[in-house]
C-alpha atoms as a PDB file:
ATOM      1  CA  MET A   1     -40.042  -2.223  51.200  1.00  0.00           C
ATOM      2  CA  LEU A   2     -42.082  -5.083  49.774  1.00  0.00           C
ATOM      3  CA  THR A   3     -43.052  -6.260  46.320  1.00  0.00           C
ATOM      4  CA  SER A   4     -46.719  -7.013  45.602  1.00  0.00           C
ATOM      5  CA  ILE A   5     -45.998 -10.764  45.745  1.00  0.00           C
ATOM      6  CA  GLU A   6     -44.185 -10.458  49.063  1.00  0.00           C
ATOM      7  CA  LYS A   7     -47.071  -8.434  50.428  1.00  0.00           C
ATOM      8  CA  ALA A   8     -49.532 -11.138  49.390  1.00  0.00           C
ATOM      9  CA  ASP A   9     -47.404 -13.864  51.010  1.00  0.00           C
ATOM     10  CA  LEU A  10     -47.312 -12.012  54.323  1.00  0.00           C
ATOM     11  CA  GLU A  11     -51.063 -11.318  54.185  1.00  0.00           C
ATOM     12  CA  ARG A  12     -51.628 -15.050  53.757  1.00  0.00           C
ATOM     13  CA  LEU A  13     -49.396 -15.707  56.778  1.00  0.00           C
ATOM     14  CA  TYR A  14     -51.406 -13.110  58.738  1.00  0.00           C
ATOM     15  CA  LYS A  15     -54.722 -14.787  57.887  1.00  0.00           C
ATOM     16  CA  ASP A  16     -53.449 -18.298  58.631  1.00  0.00           C
ATOM     17  CA  ARG A  17     -52.123 -17.086  61.968  1.00  0.00           C
ATOM     18  CA  HIS A  18     -55.640 -15.917  62.909  1.00  0.00           C
ATOM     19  CA  ARG A  19     -57.111 -19.228  61.866  1.00  0.00           C
ATOM     20  CA  CYS A  20     -54.757 -21.019  64.246  1.00  0.00           C
ATOM     21  CA  ALA A  21     -55.045 -18.540  67.128  1.00  0.00           C
ATOM     22  CA  HIS A  22     -58.835 -18.430  66.835  1.00  0.00           C
ATOM     23  CA  PRO A  23     -59.569 -21.872  65.433  1.00  0.00           C
ATOM     24  CA  SER A  24     -61.812 -22.046  62.440  1.00  0.00           C
ATOM     25  CA  MET A  25     -63.803 -25.206  62.094  1.00  0.00           C
ATOM     26  CA  LEU A  26     -63.536 -27.138  58.861  1.00  0.00           C
ATOM     27  CA  SER A  27     -66.583 -29.012  60.105  1.00  0.00           C
ATOM     28  CA  LEU A  28     -68.422 -29.327  63.392  1.00  0.00           C
ATOM     29  CA  ASP A  29     -65.789 -31.718  64.707  1.00  0.00           C
ATOM     30  CA  VAL A  30     -62.619 -30.816  62.759  1.00  0.00           C
ATOM     31  CA  PRO A  31     -60.725 -27.587  63.564  1.00  0.00           C
ATOM     32  CA  TYR A  32     -58.484 -25.924  60.996  1.00  0.00           C
ATOM     33  CA  LYS A  33     -54.974 -27.368  61.056  1.00  0.00           C
ATOM     34  CA  PRO A  34     -52.320 -26.153  58.570  1.00  0.00           C
ATOM     35  CA  THR A  35     -50.191 -28.777  56.887  1.00  0.00           C
ATOM     36  CA  ALA A  36     -46.492 -29.159  57.613  1.00  0.00           C
ATOM     37  CA  GLU A  37     -45.727 -28.027  54.065  1.00  0.00           C
ATOM     38  CA  LEU A  38     -47.723 -24.812  54.489  1.00  0.00           C
ATOM     39  CA  THR A  39     -46.059 -24.162  57.847  1.00  0.00           C
ATOM     40  CA  ARG A  40     -42.609 -24.529  56.345  1.00  0.00           C
ATOM     41  CA  THR A  41     -43.600 -22.160  53.524  1.00  0.00           C
ATOM     42  CA  HIS A  42     -44.708 -19.518  56.016  1.00  0.00           C
ATOM     43  CA  LEU A  43     -41.500 -19.904  58.004  1.00  0.00           C
ATOM     44  CA  ARG A  44     -39.406 -19.509  54.872  1.00  0.00           C
ATOM     45  CA  ASN A  45     -41.338 -16.448  53.696  1.00  0.00           C
ATOM     46  CA  ALA A  46     -41.064 -14.802  57.115  1.00  0.00           C
ATOM     47  CA  VAL A  47     -37.283 -15.211  57.110  1.00  0.00           C
ATOM     48  CA  GLU A  48     -36.581 -14.343  53.470  1.00  0.00           C
ATOM     49  CA  ILE A  49     -38.996 -11.435  53.125  1.00  0.00           C
ATOM     50  CA  LEU A  50     -38.296  -9.704  56.444  1.00  0.00           C
ATOM     51  CA  LEU A  51     -36.230 -11.303  59.178  1.00  0.00           C
ATOM     52  CA  GLN A  52     -32.919 -11.878  57.337  1.00  0.00           C
ATOM     53  CA  ARG A  53     -32.887  -8.414  55.753  1.00  0.00           C
ATOM     54  CA  GLU A  54     -30.780  -5.689  57.282  1.00  0.00           C
ATOM     55  CA  PRO A  55     -32.549  -2.460  58.241  1.00  0.00           C
ATOM     56  CA  VAL A  56     -33.282  -0.113  55.350  1.00  0.00           C
ATOM     57  CA  GLN A  57     -31.880   3.351  56.076  1.00  0.00           C
ATOM     58  CA  GLY A  58     -33.720   6.569  55.284  1.00  0.00           C
ATOM     59  CA  LYS A  59     -33.258  10.297  55.649  1.00  0.00           C
ATOM     60  CA  ALA A  60     -31.933  10.028  59.206  1.00  0.00           C
ATOM     61  CA  ALA A  61     -28.669   8.602  57.790  1.00  0.00           C
ATOM     62  CA  PHE A  62     -27.944  11.718  55.684  1.00  0.00           C
ATOM     63  CA  ASP A  63     -26.221  13.712  58.436  1.00  0.00           C
ATOM     64  CA  ARG A  64     -24.216  10.719  59.585  1.00  0.00           C
ATOM     65  CA  ILE A  65     -22.812  10.058  56.104  1.00  0.00           C
ATOM     66  CA  CYS A  66     -21.991  13.732  55.533  1.00  0.00           C
ATOM     67  CA  ALA A  67     -20.149  13.807  58.850  1.00  0.00           C
ATOM     68  CA  GLU A  68     -18.131  10.743  57.836  1.00  0.00           C
ATOM     69  CA  ILE A  69     -17.083  12.435  54.591  1.00  0.00           C
ATOM     70  CA  LYS A  70     -15.902  15.509  56.491  1.00  0.00           C
ATOM     71  CA  SER A  71     -13.581  13.361  58.607  1.00  0.00           C
ATOM     72  CA  LYS A  72      -9.936  13.584  57.536  1.00  0.00           C
ATOM     73  CA  TYR A  73      -9.785   9.791  57.851  1.00  0.00           C
ATOM     74  CA  PHE A  74     -12.383   9.173  55.124  1.00  0.00           C
ATOM     75  CA  PRO A  75     -10.888   7.168  52.202  1.00  0.00           C
ATOM     76  CA  LEU A  76      -9.355   9.066  49.276  1.00  0.00           C
ATOM     77  CA  GLU A  77      -9.855   6.307  46.683  1.00  0.00           C
ATOM     78  CA  VAL A  78     -13.214   5.294  45.211  1.00  0.00           C
ATOM     79  CA  ASP A  79     -12.832   1.544  45.862  1.00  0.00           C
ATOM     80  CA  ASP A  80     -11.894   2.184  49.482  1.00  0.00           C
ATOM     81  CA  ALA A  81     -14.859   4.534  49.895  1.00  0.00           C
ATOM     82  CA  LYS A  82     -17.204   1.843  48.554  1.00  0.00           C
ATOM     83  CA  LYS A  83     -15.897  -0.635  51.118  1.00  0.00           C
ATOM     84  CA  HIS A  84     -16.402   1.994  53.821  1.00  0.00           C
ATOM     85  CA  PHE A  85     -20.011   2.662  52.777  1.00  0.00           C
ATOM     86  CA  GLU A  86     -20.856  -1.039  52.445  1.00  0.00           C
ATOM     87  CA  SER A  87     -20.563  -1.452  56.205  1.00  0.00           C
ATOM     88  CA  GLY A  88     -22.955   1.413  56.944  1.00  0.00           C
ATOM     89  CA  PRO A  89     -26.414   2.778  56.135  1.00  0.00           C
ATOM     90  CA  LEU A  90     -25.733   3.083  52.395  1.00  0.00           C
ATOM     91  CA  LYS A  91     -25.667  -0.686  51.929  1.00  0.00           C
ATOM     92  CA  ARG A  92     -29.477  -0.805  51.809  1.00  0.00           C
ATOM     93  CA  ALA A  93     -30.360   2.841  51.395  1.00  0.00           C
ATOM     94  CA  ARG A  94     -33.686   4.119  50.121  1.00  0.00           C
ATOM     95  CA  LYS A  95     -33.704   5.837  46.750  1.00  0.00           C
ATOM     96  CA  SER A  96     -34.535   9.111  48.429  1.00  0.00           C
ATOM     97  CA  LEU A  97     -31.392   8.931  50.582  1.00  0.00           C
ATOM     98  CA  VAL A  98     -29.175   8.128  47.589  1.00  0.00           C
ATOM     99  CA  ARG A  99     -30.717  10.999  45.630  1.00  0.00           C
ATOM    100  CA  ASP A 100     -30.354  13.495  48.476  1.00  0.00           C
ATOM    101  CA  LEU A 101     -26.739  12.526  49.084  1.00  0.00           C
ATOM    102  CA  ILE A 102     -25.670  12.799  45.439  1.00  0.00           C
ATOM    103  CA  ILE A 103     -27.383  16.169  44.975  1.00  0.00           C
ATOM    104  CA  GLY A 104     -26.286  17.585  48.326  1.00  0.00           C
ATOM    105  CA  ILE A 105     -22.631  16.527  48.112  1.00  0.00           C
ATOM    106  CA  SER A 106     -22.400  17.532  44.434  1.00  0.00           C
ATOM    107  CA  LYS A 107     -23.670  21.026  45.185  1.00  0.00           C
ATOM    108  CA  SER A 108     -21.236  21.350  48.062  1.00  0.00           C
ATOM    109  CA  PHE A 109     -18.277  20.138  45.961  1.00  0.00           C
ATOM    110  CA  LEU A 110     -19.054  22.276  42.923  1.00  0.00           C
ATOM    111  CA  ARG A 111     -20.291  25.460  44.589  1.00  0.00           C
ATOM    112  CA  GLU A 112     -18.987  25.818  48.130  1.00  0.00           C
ATOM    113  CA  LYS A 113     -15.565  26.840  49.385  1.00  0.00           C
ATOM    114  CA  ALA A 114     -13.729  24.154  51.364  1.00  0.00           C
ATOM    115  CA  PRO A 115     -10.195  22.792  51.865  1.00  0.00           C
ATOM    116  CA  ALA A 116      -8.840  20.837  48.900  1.00  0.00           C
ATOM    117  CA  SER A 117      -8.684  17.684  51.044  1.00  0.00           C
ATOM    118  CA  GLU A 118     -12.412  17.920  51.815  1.00  0.00           C
ATOM    119  CA  HIS A 119     -13.265  18.471  48.166  1.00  0.00           C
ATOM    120  CA  ARG A 120     -11.241  15.358  47.333  1.00  0.00           C
ATOM    121  CA  ARG A 121     -13.219  13.298  49.853  1.00  0.00           C
ATOM    122  CA  GLN A 122     -16.505  14.678  48.538  1.00  0.00           C
ATOM    123  CA  VAL A 123     -15.953  13.774  44.892  1.00  0.00           C
ATOM    124  CA  VAL A 124     -14.654  10.326  45.870  1.00  0.00           C
ATOM    125  CA  ALA A 125     -17.772   9.806  47.986  1.00  0.00           C
ATOM    126  CA  ILE A 126     -20.053  10.782  45.097  1.00  0.00           C
ATOM    127  CA  ALA A 127     -18.276   8.375  42.759  1.00  0.00           C
ATOM    128  CA  ALA A 128     -18.567   5.563  45.303  1.00  0.00           C
ATOM    129  CA  ILE A 129     -22.289   6.173  45.885  1.00  0.00           C
ATOM    130  CA  VAL A 130     -23.005   6.224  42.135  1.00  0.00           C
ATOM    131  CA  GLN A 131     -21.143   2.948  41.674  1.00  0.00           C
ATOM    132  CA  MET A 132     -22.947   1.317  44.602  1.00  0.00           C
ATOM    133  CA  HIS A 133     -26.385   2.424  43.404  1.00  0.00           C
ATOM    134  CA  THR A 134     -25.807   2.660  39.664  1.00  0.00           C
ATOM    135  CA  SER A 135     -29.358   2.899  38.329  1.00  0.00           C
ATOM    136  CA  VAL A 136     -30.473   5.475  40.890  1.00  0.00           C
ATOM    137  CA  GLY A 137     -27.185   7.380  40.781  1.00  0.00           C
ATOM    138  CA  GLU A 138     -27.033   7.701  37.002  1.00  0.00           C
ATOM    139  CA  GLY A 139     -30.655   8.796  36.967  1.00  0.00           C
ATOM    140  CA  VAL A 140     -29.963  11.543  39.503  1.00  0.00           C
ATOM    141  CA  LEU A 141     -26.943  12.765  37.495  1.00  0.00           C
ATOM    142  CA  GLN A 142     -28.998  12.772  34.297  1.00  0.00           C
ATOM    143  CA  ASN A 143     -31.794  14.808  35.868  1.00  0.00           C
ATOM    144  CA  GLU A 144     -29.860  17.161  38.152  1.00  0.00           C
ATOM    145  CA  LEU A 145     -26.194  17.613  37.200  1.00  0.00           C
ATOM    146  CA  SER A 146     -26.629  20.074  34.325  1.00  0.00           C
ATOM    147  CA  THR A 147     -28.813  22.283  36.499  1.00  0.00           C
ATOM    148  CA  ILE A 148     -26.165  22.282  39.248  1.00  0.00           C
ATOM    149  CA  ILE A 149     -23.302  23.116  36.855  1.00  0.00           C
ATOM    150  CA  GLU A 150     -24.904  25.790  34.642  1.00  0.00           C
ATOM    151  CA  PRO A 151     -24.781  28.704  37.154  1.00  0.00           C
ATOM    152  CA  LEU A 152     -21.128  28.108  38.143  1.00  0.00           C
ATOM    153  CA  ASP A 153     -18.541  30.880  37.750  1.00  0.00           C
ATOM    154  CA  ASP A 154     -15.518  30.240  35.527  1.00  0.00           C
ATOM    155  CA  ASP A 155     -13.143  29.848  38.484  1.00  0.00           C
ATOM    156  CA  LYS A 156     -15.116  26.798  39.641  1.00  0.00           C
ATOM    157  CA  TRP A 157     -14.826  24.914  36.368  1.00  0.00           C
ATOM    158  CA  VAL A 158     -11.735  23.096  37.528  1.00  0.00           C
ATOM    159  CA  ARG A 159     -14.088  21.293  39.924  1.00  0.00           C
ATOM    160  CA  VAL A 160     -16.397  20.421  37.035  1.00  0.00           C
ATOM    161  CA  VAL A 161     -13.539  18.765  35.151  1.00  0.00           C
ATOM    162  CA  VAL A 162     -12.427  16.894  38.278  1.00  0.00           C
ATOM    163  CA  PHE A 163     -16.045  15.742  38.749  1.00  0.00           C
ATOM    164  CA  PHE A 164     -16.146  14.430  35.169  1.00  0.00           C
ATOM    165  CA  GLY A 165     -12.832  12.648  35.678  1.00  0.00           C
ATOM    166  CA  VAL A 166     -13.767  10.891  38.916  1.00  0.00           C
ATOM    167  CA  VAL A 167     -17.528  10.212  38.798  1.00  0.00           C
ATOM    168  CA  THR A 168     -18.458   7.481  36.329  1.00  0.00           C
ATOM    169  CA  GLY A 169     -21.222   8.556  33.962  1.00  0.00           C
ATOM    170  CA  ALA A 170     -21.058  12.255  34.849  1.00  0.00           C
ATOM    171  CA  TRP A 171     -19.862  13.377  31.403  1.00  0.00           C
ATOM    172  CA  ASN A 172     -22.666  11.538  29.602  1.00  0.00           C
ATOM    173  CA  ALA A 173     -25.238  12.966  32.013  1.00  0.00           C
ATOM    174  CA  VAL A 174     -24.783  16.655  31.127  1.00  0.00           C
ATOM    175  CA  ASN A 175     -26.167  18.583  28.156  1.00  0.00           C
ATOM    176  CA  GLU A 176     -24.245  19.494  24.998  1.00  0.00           C
ATOM    177  CA  ALA A 177     -23.768  23.130  26.025  1.00  0.00           C
ATOM    178  CA  ILE A 178     -21.863  22.078  29.142  1.00  0.00           C
ATOM    179  CA  LYS A 179     -19.765  19.596  27.147  1.00  0.00           C
ATOM    180  CA  ALA A 180     -18.829  22.293  24.642  1.00  0.00           C
ATOM    181  CA  LYS A 181     -17.860  24.701  27.420  1.00  0.00           C
ATOM    182  CA  ALA A 182     -15.753  21.999  29.096  1.00  0.00           C
ATOM    183  CA  LYS A 183     -13.792  21.496  25.867  1.00  0.00           C
ATOM    184  CA  ARG A 184     -13.155  25.237  25.521  1.00  0.00           C
ATOM    185  CA  TYR A 185     -12.116  25.382  29.159  1.00  0.00           C
ATOM    186  CA  VAL A 186      -9.516  22.616  28.772  1.00  0.00           C
ATOM    187  CA  GLU A 187      -8.168  24.278  25.614  1.00  0.00           C
ATOM    188  CA  ASN A 188      -7.584  27.582  27.424  1.00  0.00           C
ATOM    189  CA  VAL A 189      -7.113  26.954  31.153  1.00  0.00           C
ATOM    190  CA  GLU A 190      -3.977  28.525  32.635  1.00  0.00           C
ATOM    191  CA  GLY A 191      -2.358  29.220  35.996  1.00  0.00           C
ATOM    192  CA  LYS A 192      -3.100  27.443  39.222  1.00  0.00           C
ATOM    193  CA  TYR A 193      -6.033  25.496  37.762  1.00  0.00           C
ATOM    194  CA  LEU A 194      -3.943  24.025  34.928  1.00  0.00           C
ATOM    195  CA  PRO A 195      -2.504  20.915  36.655  1.00  0.00           C
ATOM    196  CA  ALA A 196      -5.744  19.434  37.986  1.00  0.00           C
ATOM    197  CA  SER A 197      -7.712  20.449  34.891  1.00  0.00           C
ATOM    198  CA  LEU A 198      -5.367  18.698  32.457  1.00  0.00           C
ATOM    199  CA  HIS A 199      -4.795  15.647  34.653  1.00  0.00           C
ATOM    200  CA  TYR A 200      -8.472  14.843  35.180  1.00  0.00           C
ATOM    201  CA  SER A 201      -9.341  15.696  31.581  1.00  0.00           C
ATOM    202  CA  THR A 202      -7.222  12.738  30.472  1.00  0.00           C
ATOM    203  CA  ARG A 203      -9.800  10.463  32.150  1.00  0.00           C
ATOM    204  CA  VAL A 204     -12.669  11.760  29.986  1.00  0.00           C
ATOM    205  CA  LYS A 205     -12.796  10.312  26.475  1.00  0.00           C
ATOM    206  CA  ASP A 206     -13.986  13.500  24.785  1.00  0.00           C
ATOM    207  CA  LEU A 207     -11.468  15.706  26.643  1.00  0.00           C
ATOM    208  CA  ARG A 208      -8.458  13.387  26.603  1.00  0.00           C
ATOM    209  CA  GLU A 209      -7.049  14.334  23.182  1.00  0.00           C
ATOM    210  CA  ILE A 210      -7.260  18.049  23.963  1.00  0.00           C
ATOM    211  CA  ALA A 211      -5.476  17.528  27.289  1.00  0.00           C
ATOM    212  CA  ILE A 212      -2.711  15.367  25.777  1.00  0.00           C
ATOM    213  CA  GLU A 213      -1.978  18.001  23.111  1.00  0.00           C
ATOM    214  CA  ARG A 214      -1.640  20.657  25.790  1.00  0.00           C
ATOM    215  CA  ILE A 215       0.548  18.473  28.006  1.00  0.00           C
ATOM    216  CA  ALA A 216       3.027  18.031  25.146  1.00  0.00           C
ATOM    217  CA  GLU A 217       3.458  21.826  25.020  1.00  0.00           C
ATOM    218  CA  LEU A 218       3.946  22.450  28.759  1.00  0.00           C
ATOM    219  CA  SER A 219       7.111  23.892  30.231  1.00  0.00           C
ATOM    220  CA  PRO A 220       9.073  21.565  32.562  1.00  0.00           C
ATOM    221  CA  THR A 221       7.767  23.516  35.560  1.00  0.00           C
ATOM    222  CA  GLU A 222       4.150  23.196  34.407  1.00  0.00           C
ATOM    223  CA  LEU A 223       4.642  19.516  33.577  1.00  0.00           C
ATOM    224  CA  SER A 224       5.989  18.821  37.065  1.00  0.00           C
ATOM    225  CA  MET A 225       2.846  20.419  38.519  1.00  0.00           C
ATOM    226  CA  VAL A 226       0.607  18.199  36.381  1.00  0.00           C
ATOM    227  CA  ILE A 227       2.620  15.108  37.350  1.00  0.00           C
ATOM    228  CA  GLY A 228       2.061  16.134  40.966  1.00  0.00           C
ATOM    229  CA  GLU A 229      -1.638  15.290  40.474  1.00  0.00           C
ATOM    230  CA  GLY A 230      -0.709  11.701  39.556  1.00  0.00           C
ATOM    231  CA  VAL A 231       1.249   9.890  36.856  1.00  0.00           C
ATOM    232  CA  ILE A 232      -0.108   8.375  33.651  1.00  0.00           C
ATOM    233  CA  GLN A 233       1.669   6.939  30.607  1.00  0.00           C
ATOM    234  CA  GLU A 234       1.166  10.085  28.549  1.00  0.00           C
ATOM    235  CA  TYR A 235       3.440  12.091  30.857  1.00  0.00           C
ATOM    236  CA  CYS A 236       6.449   9.849  30.278  1.00  0.00           C
ATOM    237  CA  GLU A 237       7.740  11.056  26.915  1.00  0.00           C
ATOM    238  CA  PRO A 238       7.458  14.802  27.711  1.00  0.00           C
ATOM    239  CA  ALA A 239       9.173  14.200  31.069  1.00  0.00           C
ATOM    240  CA  VAL A 240      12.029  12.205  29.519  1.00  0.00           C
ATOM    241  CA  GLU A 241      12.472  14.771  26.742  1.00  0.00           C
ATOM    242  CA  ALA A 242      12.639  17.642  29.239  1.00  0.00           C
ATOM    243  CA  PHE A 243      15.208  15.793  31.363  1.00  0.00           C
ATOM    244  CA  THR A 244      17.489  15.012  28.417  1.00  0.00           C
ATOM    245  CA  LYS A 245      17.511  18.712  27.465  1.00  0.00           C
ATOM    246  CA  SER A 246      18.601  19.960  30.883  1.00  0.00           C
ATOM    247  CA  GLY A 247      20.764  23.020  30.286  1.00  0.00           C
ATOM    248  CA  SER A 248      22.287  23.507  33.722  1.00  0.00           C
ATOM    249  CA  PHE A 249      23.189  21.582  36.856  1.00  0.00           C
ATOM    250  CA  GLU A 250      20.175  23.088  38.618  1.00  0.00           C
ATOM    251  CA  SER A 251      17.716  22.182  35.870  1.00  0.00           C
ATOM    252  CA  ALA A 252      19.155  18.648  35.711  1.00  0.00           C
ATOM    253  CA  LYS A 253      18.570  18.263  39.441  1.00  0.00           C
ATOM    254  CA  LYS A 254      15.039  19.656  39.402  1.00  0.00           C
ATOM    255  CA  ARG A 255      13.967  17.776  36.293  1.00  0.00           C
ATOM    256  CA  GLY A 256      15.486  14.582  37.608  1.00  0.00           C
ATOM    257  CA  GLN A 257      13.686  14.856  40.931  1.00  0.00           C
ATOM    258  CA  ARG A 258      10.353  16.297  39.746  1.00  0.00           C
ATOM    259  CA  LEU A 259       9.966  14.753  36.290  1.00  0.00           C
ATOM    260  CA  LEU A 260      12.157  11.698  35.769  1.00  0.00           C
ATOM    261  CA  ILE A 261      11.779   9.939  39.106  1.00  0.00           C
ATOM    262  CA  PRO A 262       7.947  10.283  39.315  1.00  0.00           C
ATOM    263  CA  VAL A 263       7.448   8.770  35.820  1.00  0.00           C
ATOM    264  CA  SER A 264      10.234   6.178  36.111  1.00  0.00           C
ATOM    265  CA  PHE A 265       7.863   3.350  37.097  1.00  0.00           C
ATOM    266  CA  HIS A 266       5.887   3.876  33.881  1.00  0.00           C
ATOM    267  CA  LEU A 267       8.682   4.085  31.292  1.00  0.00           C
ATOM    268  CA  GLY A 268       9.249   1.668  28.425  1.00  0.00           C
ATOM    269  CA  ASN A 269      12.537   0.027  27.424  1.00  0.00           C
ATOM    270  CA  GLU A 270      13.447   2.626  24.812  1.00  0.00           C
ATOM    271  CA  GLN A 271      12.670   5.503  27.153  1.00  0.00           C
ATOM    272  CA  VAL A 272      14.960   4.034  29.827  1.00  0.00           C
ATOM    273  CA  LYS A 273      17.748   3.676  27.258  1.00  0.00           C
ATOM    274  CA  LYS A 274      17.166   7.255  26.120  1.00  0.00           C
ATOM    275  CA  VAL A 275      17.622   8.499  29.684  1.00  0.00           C
ATOM    276  CA  LEU A 276      20.843   6.516  30.144  1.00  0.00           C
ATOM    277  CA  SER A 277      22.224   7.843  26.871  1.00  0.00           C
ATOM    278  CA  SER A 278      21.422  11.428  27.864  1.00  0.00           C
ATOM    279  CA  ILE A 279      23.253  11.024  31.182  1.00  0.00           C
ATOM    280  CA  LYS A 280      26.402  10.076  29.249  1.00  0.00           C
ATOM    281  CA  GLU A 281      26.066  12.779  26.608  1.00  0.00           C
ATOM    282  CA  ASN A 282      24.888  15.773  28.646  1.00  0.00           C
ATOM    283  CA  SER A 283      27.610  17.110  30.957  1.00  0.00           C
ATOM    284  CA  GLN A 284      25.041  19.264  32.787  1.00  0.00           C
ATOM    285  CA  ILE A 285      23.461  15.994  33.861  1.00  0.00           C
ATOM    286  CA  ASN A 286      26.437  13.739  34.561  1.00  0.00           C
ATOM    287  CA  TYR A 287      28.359  16.376  36.504  1.00  0.00           C
ATOM    288  CA  CYS A 288      25.333  17.485  38.552  1.00  0.00           C
ATOM    289  CA  PHE A 289      26.159  17.081  42.254  1.00  0.00           C
ATOM    290  CA  GLU A 290      22.804  15.415  43.114  1.00  0.00           C
ATOM    291  CA  MET A 291      22.781  13.126  40.076  1.00  0.00           C
ATOM    292  CA  PRO A 292      24.315   9.990  41.706  1.00  0.00           C
ATOM    293  CA  GLU A 293      21.346   9.713  44.086  1.00  0.00           C
ATOM    294  CA  ILE A 294      18.889  10.357  41.245  1.00  0.00           C
ATOM    295  CA  ILE A 295      20.540   7.713  39.027  1.00  0.00           C
ATOM    296  CA  ALA A 296      20.519   5.166  41.858  1.00  0.00           C
ATOM    297  CA  GLU A 297      16.815   5.745  42.483  1.00  0.00           C
ATOM    298  CA  PHE A 298      16.130   5.568  38.743  1.00  0.00           C
ATOM    299  CA  PHE A 299      17.955   2.218  38.633  1.00  0.00           C
ATOM    300  CA  THR A 300      15.772   0.837  41.433  1.00  0.00           C
ATOM    301  CA  ASN A 301      12.519   2.128  39.942  1.00  0.00           C
ATOM    302  CA  THR A 302      13.219   0.670  36.481  1.00  0.00           C
ATOM    303  CA  LYS A 303      14.092  -2.837  37.683  1.00  0.00           C
ATOM    304  CA  ARG A 304      11.735  -4.500  35.211  1.00  0.00           C
ATOM    305  CA  HIS A 305      13.869  -3.095  32.385  1.00  0.00           C
ATOM    306  CA  HIS A 306      17.247  -4.217  33.781  1.00  0.00           C
ATOM    307  CA  LYS A 307      17.641  -7.135  31.417  1.00  0.00           C
ATOM    308  CA  ALA A 308      16.717  -5.123  28.321  1.00  0.00           C
ATOM    309  CA  ALA A 309      18.966  -2.192  29.305  1.00  0.00           C
ATOM    310  CA  GLU A 310      21.806  -4.124  30.954  1.00  0.00           C
ATOM    311  CA  THR A 311      24.387  -3.141  28.320  1.00  0.00           C
ATOM    312  CA  GLU A 312      23.408   0.526  28.535  1.00  0.00           C
ATOM    313  CA  TRP A 313      23.706   0.488  32.334  1.00  0.00           C
ATOM    314  CA  GLN A 314      27.123  -1.120  32.174  1.00  0.00           C
ATOM    315  CA  GLU A 315      28.344   1.358  29.570  1.00  0.00           C
ATOM    316  CA  LEU A 316      27.049   4.253  31.674  1.00  0.00           C
ATOM    317  CA  MET A 317      28.822   3.023  34.803  1.00  0.00           C
ATOM    318  CA  ALA A 318      32.065   2.534  32.892  1.00  0.00           C
ATOM    319  CA  PHE A 319      31.744   6.092  31.586  1.00  0.00           C
ATOM    320  CA  LEU A 320      31.033   7.572  35.006  1.00  0.00           C
ATOM    321  CA  LEU A 321      34.150   5.920  36.438  1.00  0.00           C
ATOM    322  CA  GLU A 322      36.518   6.765  33.586  1.00  0.00           C
ATOM    323  CA  GLU A 323      40.068   7.654  34.657  1.00  0.00           C
ATOM    324  CA  GLU A 324      39.713  11.372  33.906  1.00  0.00           C
ATOM    325  CA  ARG A 325      36.673  11.609  36.165  1.00  0.00           C
ATOM    326  CA  THR A 326      38.235   9.918  39.190  1.00  0.00           C
ATOM    327  CA  SER A 327      39.611  13.245  40.379  1.00  0.00           C
ATOM    328  CA  CYS A 328      36.151  13.852  41.821  1.00  0.00           C
ATOM    329  CA  ASP A 329      36.281  10.473  43.597  1.00  0.00           C
ATOM    330  CA  GLY A 330      33.779   8.808  41.290  1.00  0.00           C
ATOM    331  CA  GLU A 331      33.963   5.428  43.019  1.00  0.00           C
ATOM    332  CA  ARG A 332      32.803   6.969  46.291  1.00  0.00           C
ATOM    333  CA  ILE A 333      30.175   9.174  44.675  1.00  0.00           C
ATOM    334  CA  PHE A 334      28.641   6.286  42.738  1.00  0.00           C
ATOM    335  CA  ALA A 335      29.067   3.693  45.515  1.00  0.00           C
ATOM    336  CA  GLU A 336      25.304   3.291  45.986  1.00  0.00           C
ATOM    337  CA  LEU A 337      24.722   2.647  42.293  1.00  0.00           C
ATOM    338  CA  ARG A 338      27.627   0.201  42.205  1.00  0.00           C
ATOM    339  CA  GLU A 339      26.180  -1.728  45.152  1.00  0.00           C
ATOM    340  CA  LEU A 340      22.786  -1.928  43.470  1.00  0.00           C
ATOM    341  CA  MET A 341      24.268  -3.088  40.161  1.00  0.00           C
ATOM    342  CA  GLU A 342      26.460  -5.710  41.833  1.00  0.00           C
ATOM    343  CA  LYS A 343      23.413  -7.047  43.668  1.00  0.00           C
ATOM    344  CA  GLU A 344      21.646  -7.442  40.313  1.00  0.00           C
ATOM    345  CA  GLY A 345      24.742  -8.991  38.716  1.00  0.00           C
ATOM    346  CA  MET A 346      25.062  -6.064  36.318  1.00  0.00           C
ATOM    347  CA  TRP A 347      28.463  -4.619  37.306  1.00  0.00           C
ATOM    348  CA  PRO A 348      30.535  -4.066  34.110  1.00  0.00           C
ATOM    349  CA  ASN A 349      33.417  -6.524  33.866  1.00  0.00           C
ATOM    350  CA  ASP A 350      35.826  -4.027  32.350  1.00  0.00           C
ATOM    351  CA  VAL A 351      35.642  -1.588  35.275  1.00  0.00           C
ATOM    352  CA  GLU A 352      38.548  -1.984  37.666  1.00  0.00           C
ATOM    353  CA  THR A 353      37.672  -2.445  41.316  1.00  0.00           C
END
C-alpha cells in the first residue's frame, strides 16, 4: 500500500507524535515543541498518503464483480463497462485481484458453456479490466493466455477469435503456434461459427486480410449473417453488389432488408448512386411489393448523400411514376418517399402532381 518514502514519512509522524504525547526535554527547562512548518508537513502527509485515498479492494471483491458480470443489465460495450467498474472495487484494485479476475473470467469465457449474452458480457468485462489496469492486464495475458487457449477443442475457437477481436493486446500476447492456428481457422471456418469468426477477425490486423477475402466470396445469406454481428465499411460493396443482382421479387426484398438497409449508413456517394441505378434497371427490384418501404428507409438513412445524389433520386422518382406504371397506383405506393423528398426539396420538377 505504501512506498518506502511514504513509509518513512509516516514513521517520522509516529515518532513525533510520541515526543509530543510524552514530552521529550530539549534541555532541563525546554520541552520538545514541533514547529508550525513541521506540523503542517505531518498534516499534509497524513492526508495525502492515507486519509484521502479510497479503500484498496482485495480478493473479497472477486465474487461481487463476477456476480455483476452475470447480471443481464451489465454493459455490453467496453467503454460503458469501464465506467461501471470505475465506481466500484476495481477502481483501486490490488494486482492480485486484477490477475485473478482476468484469468478466471477468461477461462470461463473460453472453456465453459454459457448463454451467448453472458459470454458477450464476459469478454467485454475482460477488455474493460485490461484497459483500466493496462500494465498488470497485459502482463497477465502475456503469461497466461496461451496456456488457457492451447487445450481448447476446435469448436471453441470462435471464442478465441472473438477474444482477440475485443480484448486489446490479446493477439500480441499469445505464442506463434496459436497465431498460426488462428489464421488457418479463419481461412476454413464454416457453418454457424462463420459470422462471428469473420466479423471479429476484421478487428485483428493479422487476420483482417484473410477475413475480408472470405467476406467477398460469401453468399447473400451468409453475408447477411455476418452483417448481423455488426456493420463495418468492408461489408458495403458486397452488400450493394448482391442487392443489385437480385433475381426475384423475394430475393430483392430479403437483400434489401437484410443487406442494403443495415449497410446504408456506411455507404459512399458512388455506392448510393449504384443502388439507385439498379432500382431503375432491375425489374425484380422496382416491381417488388415491399420495395417502396425499403427505398423510403434507404432515402432516410443516406441523408448525408442527398446533395451528391439529388439528380439520381429525382430521375428514379420520375421513373417510378411513369405513365405506364400508374396502373399499379404508383403515386399512392410511393407516397412516403414523395413526402420525404418534398421535405428535403428534392421532388423532381417534371413529375406531375
